[in-house]
Protein backbone atom coordinates (compact mmCIF):
# COMPACT_ATOMS: atom_id res chain seq x y z
CA UNK A 1 -72.65 7.37 19.44
CA UNK A 2 -75.41 5.41 18.20
CA UNK A 3 -74.30 4.01 14.74
CA UNK A 4 -75.81 1.17 12.67
CA UNK A 5 -73.81 -1.45 11.52
CA UNK A 6 -74.11 -1.30 7.52
CA UNK A 7 -73.38 -5.15 7.41
CA UNK A 8 -76.86 -5.97 9.64
CA UNK A 9 -79.78 -6.58 7.34
CA UNK A 10 -82.63 -4.13 7.82
CA UNK A 11 -85.99 -5.07 9.73
CA UNK A 12 -87.23 -4.88 5.96
CA UNK A 13 -84.82 -7.64 4.67
CA UNK A 14 -85.91 -9.87 7.78
CA UNK A 15 -89.76 -9.39 6.83
CA UNK A 16 -88.93 -10.16 3.09
CA UNK A 17 -87.15 -13.32 3.95
CA UNK A 18 -90.33 -14.51 6.27
CA UNK A 19 -92.70 -13.84 3.01
CA UNK A 20 -90.36 -15.97 0.93
CA UNK A 21 -90.11 -18.88 3.35
CA UNK A 22 -93.73 -19.16 3.42
CA UNK A 23 -94.26 -19.53 -0.55
CA UNK A 24 -93.70 -22.80 -2.29
CA UNK A 25 -90.99 -23.85 -4.06
CA UNK A 26 -89.90 -26.29 -6.37
CA UNK A 27 -87.00 -28.32 -6.75
CA UNK A 28 -86.29 -30.73 -9.56
CA UNK A 29 -83.85 -33.31 -8.91
CA UNK A 30 -81.81 -34.25 -12.21
CA UNK A 31 -79.26 -37.26 -12.73
CA UNK A 32 -77.93 -38.61 -15.53
CA UNK A 33 -79.13 -42.03 -15.03
CA UNK A 34 -81.66 -44.23 -13.03
CA UNK A 35 -80.01 -45.26 -9.88
CA UNK A 36 -77.86 -42.35 -9.22
CA UNK A 37 -79.81 -41.34 -5.92
CA UNK A 38 -82.33 -38.62 -6.69
CA UNK A 39 -85.11 -39.78 -4.93
CA UNK A 40 -82.59 -41.05 -2.08
CA UNK A 41 -81.69 -37.53 -1.92
CA UNK A 42 -85.27 -35.79 -1.79
CA UNK A 43 -86.37 -37.89 0.81
CA UNK A 44 -83.61 -36.94 2.33
CA UNK A 45 -84.00 -33.72 1.87
CA UNK A 46 -88.06 -34.04 3.21
CA UNK A 47 -86.44 -35.54 6.65
CA UNK A 48 -84.56 -32.42 7.11
CA UNK A 49 -86.96 -30.06 6.41
CA UNK A 50 -89.46 -31.72 8.54
CA UNK A 51 -86.94 -31.77 11.66
CA UNK A 52 -86.69 -27.92 10.86
CA UNK A 53 -90.93 -27.83 10.83
CA UNK A 54 -91.36 -27.26 7.33
CA UNK A 55 -94.79 -29.31 6.33
CA UNK A 56 -93.61 -31.99 3.97
CA UNK A 57 -95.91 -34.12 2.16
CA UNK A 58 -94.97 -36.88 -0.01
CA UNK A 59 -97.74 -37.14 -3.67
CA UNK A 60 -95.90 -39.94 -5.38
CA UNK A 61 -92.43 -41.53 -5.00
CA UNK A 62 -90.84 -44.50 -6.74
CA UNK A 63 -88.62 -46.36 -5.13
CA UNK A 64 -87.85 -48.59 -8.12
CA UNK A 65 -87.58 -51.86 -5.52
CA UNK A 66 -84.42 -50.21 -3.35
CA UNK A 67 -85.46 -51.01 0.01
CA UNK A 68 -82.79 -48.59 1.53
CA UNK A 69 -84.80 -45.81 -0.36
CA UNK A 70 -88.37 -46.96 0.58
CA UNK A 71 -87.41 -46.58 4.02
CA UNK A 72 -86.76 -43.11 3.98
CA UNK A 73 -90.40 -42.51 3.57
CA UNK A 74 -91.18 -44.06 6.65
CA UNK A 75 -92.41 -41.11 8.68
CA UNK A 76 -93.29 -38.82 5.92
CA UNK A 77 -96.53 -38.01 5.51
CA UNK A 78 -98.12 -39.62 2.53
CA UNK A 79 -101.26 -38.79 0.01
CA UNK A 80 -102.47 -42.05 -2.00
CA UNK A 81 -102.39 -42.03 -5.14
CA UNK A 82 -105.33 -41.43 -7.23
CA UNK A 83 -106.42 -44.68 -9.26
CA UNK A 84 -108.53 -44.32 -12.22
CA UNK A 85 -109.96 -46.82 -14.82
CA UNK A 86 -109.32 -46.18 -18.17
CA UNK A 87 -110.41 -48.70 -21.16
CA UNK A 88 -110.50 -51.32 -18.67
CA UNK A 89 -107.04 -50.89 -17.27
CA UNK A 90 -106.08 -49.41 -13.90
CA UNK A 91 -103.75 -46.56 -13.38
CA UNK A 92 -102.81 -44.80 -11.03
CA UNK A 93 -101.22 -41.03 -10.59
CA UNK A 94 -100.27 -38.09 -8.20
CA UNK A 95 -103.63 -37.16 -6.56
CA UNK A 96 -103.54 -33.33 -7.07
CA UNK A 97 -106.69 -32.51 -5.91
CA UNK A 98 -106.08 -34.48 -2.72
CA UNK A 99 -102.90 -32.45 -2.29
CA UNK A 100 -104.44 -29.31 -2.93
CA UNK A 101 -107.36 -30.07 -0.41
CA UNK A 102 -104.86 -30.60 2.19
CA UNK A 103 -103.14 -27.35 1.97
CA UNK A 104 -106.60 -25.87 2.03
CA UNK A 105 -107.69 -27.46 5.00
CA UNK A 106 -104.22 -26.39 6.59
CA UNK A 107 -104.98 -22.59 6.71
CA UNK A 108 -105.27 -20.41 9.54
CA UNK A 109 -108.56 -20.29 10.37
CA UNK A 110 -109.93 -23.57 8.63
């Protein structure tokens, strides 16, 4: 007798999981106060995902001078901040255009 286990996911479910994994996700880290570990946890998660073969890149991270947090940036790809001049002051911000170019350049067939 050839019965299908009803608890076993269908092939369609596996395909939908694969499609979901190909889409980007936004994860927000919230904390009550500075120094509670938001950036530290985010960078740990980045390393974990990178070990699983996920494409991880750092757009901007502020370590607030914490050496242990800064050390977690090592080994992760970084996109340099964009420098802009505004009324005689040099400002730095996340370079969204560079991040988008990076994603476009990594598409298959490019």
